[in-house]
Amino acid sequence: MEAINRSLYLMINAGDHPTLAVLWLARVLAQQSIVLLPLLLVALWFRGGRTARAAALTALLCVPLALLGNLLIGLFFMHPRPFMIPLGHSWLSHKAETSFPSDHATIFFAFGLALYFSALRHLGALVVVLGAAVGWSRVYLGVHFPFDIIGALLVAIASTWALVAALAWRNLGALLIDRLEQTHRALFSRPLGRQRK
């Protein structure tokens, strides 16, 4: 698997003399594009209705949950960044720390998936695609491996599913318990009342 990871990295990573326009685009995606997410949160909250606000809140909760997952993975699994080996070319300065999974890609994927599963499907899909572009840029610039981006997507899927399921259970669970209690009273209130007499 590591051989595949490295081979894919060398296919995507910028060479000795990258095109300046592509290098500029990669740097913008890798470093500046993350500013779009808080702006999007503000827009959803102030310009959207109740559905948009619920989606914004879900995204705001999903991102730290996903980053917590990354932190836990990093505590138990240290994977060096490409420039630490060294492999390929690095066009972006970064601390020498574990690369798996990518925090930047995780933030975009978790944010996008939260919107997607909160009824803002088109916007959520757009943010996920932007996350994939951010992932590409970080591999291109030499600070991540391709599997770091795939790992980020998997962490984002797991954390988003867990949070959305928990929120759904909170609503559905309350309704289900209400129904079961009504059924319980209908079935057992008379027999229990007779026993007390």
Protein backbone atom coordinates (compact mmCIF):
# COMPACT_ATOMS: atom_id res chain seq x y z
CA MET A 1 0.00 0.00 0.00
CA GLU A 2 2.80 2.40 0.86
CA ALA A 3 4.39 1.77 -2.55
CA ILE A 4 1.09 2.71 -4.25
CA ASN A 5 0.83 5.80 -2.04
CA ARG A 6 4.32 6.93 -3.00
CA SER A 7 3.81 6.18 -6.70
CA LEU A 8 0.60 8.22 -6.78
CA TYR A 9 2.34 11.01 -4.90
CA LEU A 10 5.14 11.19 -7.47
CA MET A 11 2.56 11.32 -10.28
CA ILE A 12 0.74 14.31 -8.69
CA ASN A 13 3.62 16.17 -7.03
CA ALA A 14 5.04 19.21 -8.83
CA GLY A 15 8.35 18.61 -10.54
CA ASP A 16 11.55 20.65 -10.56
CA HIS A 17 10.06 23.38 -12.77
CA PRO A 18 6.28 23.62 -12.27
CA THR A 19 4.14 26.01 -14.31
CA LEU A 20 3.90 29.27 -12.35
CA ALA A 21 0.13 29.59 -12.87
CA VAL A 22 -0.51 26.05 -11.57
CA LEU A 23 1.86 26.64 -8.66
CA TRP A 24 0.01 29.86 -7.77
CA LEU A 25 -3.38 28.12 -7.99
CA ALA A 26 -2.15 25.26 -5.79
CA ARG A 27 -0.86 27.69 -3.16
CA VAL A 28 -4.14 29.63 -3.12
CA LEU A 29 -6.12 26.40 -2.72
CA ALA A 30 -3.75 25.02 -0.07
CA GLN A 31 -3.52 28.15 2.07
CA GLN A 32 -6.21 30.77 1.35
CA SER A 33 -9.30 28.81 0.32
CA ILE A 34 -10.06 27.79 3.92
CA VAL A 35 -11.19 31.39 4.57
CA LEU A 36 -14.25 30.64 2.42
CA LEU A 37 -15.72 28.30 5.03
CA PRO A 38 -16.29 30.80 7.87
CA LEU A 39 -17.65 33.26 5.28
CA LEU A 40 -20.04 30.57 4.08
CA LEU A 41 -21.14 29.88 7.67
CA VAL A 42 -21.92 33.56 8.20
CA ALA A 43 -23.83 33.73 4.90
CA LEU A 44 -25.87 30.63 5.75
CA TRP A 45 -26.74 31.98 9.19
CA PHE A 46 -27.65 35.54 8.20
CA ARG A 47 -28.98 35.05 4.67
CA GLY A 48 -30.59 31.63 4.92
CA GLY A 49 -33.71 30.32 6.57
CA ARG A 50 -34.12 27.73 9.28
CA THR A 51 -32.83 24.88 7.07
CA ALA A 52 -29.66 26.82 6.20
CA ARG A 53 -29.06 27.67 9.86
CA ALA A 54 -29.50 24.05 10.90
CA ALA A 55 -27.03 23.03 8.17
CA ALA A 56 -24.54 25.68 9.33
CA LEU A 57 -24.79 24.47 12.91
CA THR A 58 -24.32 20.84 11.84
CA ALA A 59 -21.20 21.82 9.85
CA LEU A 60 -19.90 23.80 12.81
CA LEU A 61 -20.24 20.70 15.00
CA CYS A 62 -18.92 18.19 12.41
CA VAL A 63 -15.61 19.92 11.74
CA PRO A 64 -14.21 19.79 15.32
CA LEU A 65 -15.48 16.22 15.70
CA ALA A 66 -13.59 15.22 12.54
CA LEU A 67 -10.45 17.06 13.68
CA LEU A 68 -10.65 15.23 17.00
CA GLY A 69 -10.64 11.99 14.99
CA ASN A 70 -7.51 13.18 13.17
CA LEU A 71 -5.84 14.03 16.47
CA LEU A 72 -6.55 10.57 17.88
CA ILE A 73 -5.22 8.90 14.72
CA GLY A 74 -2.08 11.05 14.91
CA LEU A 75 -1.45 9.97 18.49
CA PHE A 76 -1.30 6.31 17.50
CA PHE A 77 -0.05 6.42 13.91
CA MET A 78 2.88 8.58 12.83
CA HIS A 79 3.26 8.85 9.06
CA PRO A 80 6.02 11.18 7.85
CA ARG A 81 5.31 13.91 5.32
CA PRO A 82 6.92 13.51 1.88
CA PHE A 83 9.62 16.12 2.55
CA MET A 84 10.61 14.29 5.74
CA ILE A 85 11.63 11.13 3.84
CA PRO A 86 12.57 13.04 1.50
CA LEU A 87 10.47 12.27 -1.58
CA GLY A 88 9.52 14.49 -4.50
CA HIS A 89 9.59 18.26 -4.31
CA SER A 90 8.25 20.53 -1.59
CA TRP A 91 6.84 23.91 -2.66
CA LEU A 92 5.21 24.83 0.65
CA SER A 93 6.86 25.14 4.05
CA HIS A 94 5.32 23.00 6.77
CA LYS A 95 6.17 21.64 10.20
CA ALA A 96 7.67 18.16 10.27
CA GLU A 97 4.75 16.24 11.80
CA THR A 98 2.46 13.35 10.93
CA SER A 99 0.75 13.69 7.58
CA PHE A 100 -2.15 11.24 7.96
CA PRO A 101 -4.88 12.32 7.61
CA SER A 102 -4.86 15.83 6.14
CA ASP A 103 -6.47 18.38 8.47
CA HIS A 104 -7.19 20.82 5.63
CA ALA A 105 -8.96 18.21 3.51
CA THR A 106 -10.80 16.88 6.57
CA ILE A 107 -12.20 20.33 7.35
CA PHE A 108 -13.54 20.77 3.81
CA PHE A 109 -14.92 17.24 3.56
CA ALA A 110 -16.62 17.35 6.98
CA PHE A 111 -18.07 20.79 6.26
CA GLY A 112 -19.33 19.76 2.82
CA LEU A 113 -20.77 16.43 3.94
CA ALA A 114 -22.56 18.12 6.85
CA LEU A 115 -24.23 20.51 4.41
CA TYR A 116 -25.00 17.67 2.01
CA PHE A 117 -26.76 15.60 4.67
CA SER A 118 -28.56 18.67 6.03
CA ALA A 119 -30.64 19.26 2.88
CA LEU A 120 -28.17 21.63 1.16
CA ARG A 121 -27.03 18.96 -1.27
CA HIS A 122 -25.72 21.12 -4.13
CA LEU A 123 -23.78 23.45 -1.85
CA GLY A 124 -22.44 20.50 0.16
CA ALA A 125 -21.29 18.70 -3.00
CA LEU A 126 -19.55 21.89 -4.15
CA VAL A 127 -17.65 22.17 -0.85
CA VAL A 128 -16.63 18.48 -1.07
CA VAL A 129 -15.30 19.07 -4.62
CA LEU A 130 -13.41 22.11 -3.33
CA GLY A 131 -12.01 19.85 -0.58
CA ALA A 132 -10.76 17.42 -3.22
CA ALA A 133 -9.08 20.35 -5.01
CA VAL A 134 -7.47 21.43 -1.73
CA GLY A 135 -6.29 17.85 -1.23
CA TRP A 136 -4.77 17.81 -4.72
CA SER A 137 -2.99 21.10 -4.04
CA ARG A 138 -1.40 19.83 -0.85
CA VAL A 139 -0.11 16.71 -2.60
CA TYR A 140 1.06 18.81 -5.56
CA LEU A 141 2.97 21.13 -3.21
CA GLY A 142 4.63 18.21 -1.40
CA VAL A 143 3.14 18.35 2.11
CA HIS A 144 0.77 15.34 1.86
CA PHE A 145 0.46 11.93 0.27
CA PRO A 146 -2.68 10.93 -1.69
CA PHE A 147 -3.70 8.46 1.04
CA ASP A 148 -3.69 11.37 3.52
CA ILE A 149 -6.51 12.93 1.49
CA ILE A 150 -8.42 9.64 1.22
CA GLY A 151 -7.99 9.20 4.98
CA ALA A 152 -9.39 12.71 5.50
CA LEU A 153 -12.47 11.80 3.47
CA LEU A 154 -13.01 8.62 5.50
CA VAL A 155 -12.66 10.48 8.82
CA ALA A 156 -15.09 13.15 7.57
CA ILE A 157 -17.63 10.52 6.48
CA ALA A 158 -17.42 8.74 9.85
CA SER A 159 -17.71 11.91 11.94
CA THR A 160 -20.50 13.37 9.82
CA TRP A 161 -22.45 10.13 9.90
CA ALA A 162 -22.01 9.87 13.68
CA LEU A 163 -23.18 13.43 14.30
CA VAL A 164 -26.08 13.34 11.84
CA ALA A 165 -27.16 9.97 13.25
CA ALA A 166 -26.97 11.36 16.80
CA LEU A 167 -29.04 14.42 15.85
CA ALA A 168 -31.55 12.26 13.99
CA TRP A 169 -31.76 9.86 16.95
CA ARG A 170 -32.39 12.76 19.30
CA ASN A 171 -35.50 13.70 17.29
CA LEU A 172 -36.51 10.20 16.24
CA GLY A 173 -35.66 8.67 19.60
CA ALA A 174 -37.91 11.10 21.47
CA LEU A 175 -40.75 10.36 19.05
CA LEU A 176 -40.17 6.60 19.31
CA ILE A 177 -40.15 6.66 23.11
CA ASP A 178 -43.38 8.70 23.11
CA ARG A 179 -45.04 6.10 20.88
CA LEU A 180 -43.73 3.16 22.92
CA GLU A 181 -44.91 4.75 26.17
CA GLN A 182 -48.36 5.32 24.66
CA THR A 183 -48.45 1.67 23.56
CA HIS A 184 -47.24 0.57 27.00
CA ARG A 185 -49.99 2.54 28.74
CA ALA A 186 -52.64 1.22 26.35
CA LEU A 187 -51.55 -2.40 26.84
CA PHE A 188 -50.69 -2.48 30.52
CA SER A 189 -52.59 0.29 32.31
CA ARG A 190 -55.81 -1.74 32.67
CA PRO A 191 -54.17 -5.01 33.82
CA LEU A 192 -51.97 -3.12 36.26
CA GLY A 193 -54.96 -1.13 37.50
CA ARG A 194 -56.90 -4.34 38.17
CA GLN A 195 -54.00 -5.86 40.09
CA ARG A 196 -53.85 -2.84 42.36
CA LYS A 197 -57.56 -3.22 43.23
